[in-house]
């Protein structure tokens, strides 16, 4: 069923197990402790237009998830099974990928691995890397976002949490980029180079501490 496919594709639902056999939180779950004012503003704007934000989000999530799967299959040169999605969703996802294909034509991309999970034994958390490979001659951590914008927590996620996972596995990174693939023509396309890696790690590390303290409080209260 489509619901199962979406759950399997969502990083937030992936289980990460450490060497001791204990489940640890994922990067997305940890960053959930941060305030997200842009999300509140977005939901409020939809409400003012008489649009149910939950239904709108679910529909956009389906298209975004499908577009993400299409990118992964394209890069690994495999044919995906999209039969659980409606023809409308498939058409919309394909339309929003046009900008990605144009970007791909003008860039040299050689994936080394795609959609690979890691666990940090040092900090006890996990995460799944969208793509690591050689982009225009540089060892690159590349993340795909199907959204209307690139928000601060996305930068903390990739340049903070994900980068640390690669460092612990002795995987060299020379650049970090986010490709934002809009789910409609209005949302557009964006190629963002991420800088200030140490600052993003600092924020992620602080969020991890808050997450762990909150978890302890739930046990004692």
Foldseek 3Di string as FASTA:
>chain_A
DLVVVLLVLDFQNDWDADPVRDTFGALVVLLVVDDDVVVVVVCVVCVVVVHHVVVVVVLLSLLFSVLLVVVLCVLVVHDDDPVVDDPVSVVLSVVLCPVVVVVPVVKDWDFPDAQDKFADPVLGYIGTQGTFTAIRRFTEREEEAADLDDDLSNLLSRLAVVVVRCVVVVHDGDWYWYWYRYSHVNSPIDIDTDDPSVVSNVVSSVSSVVVVVVVVVVVVD
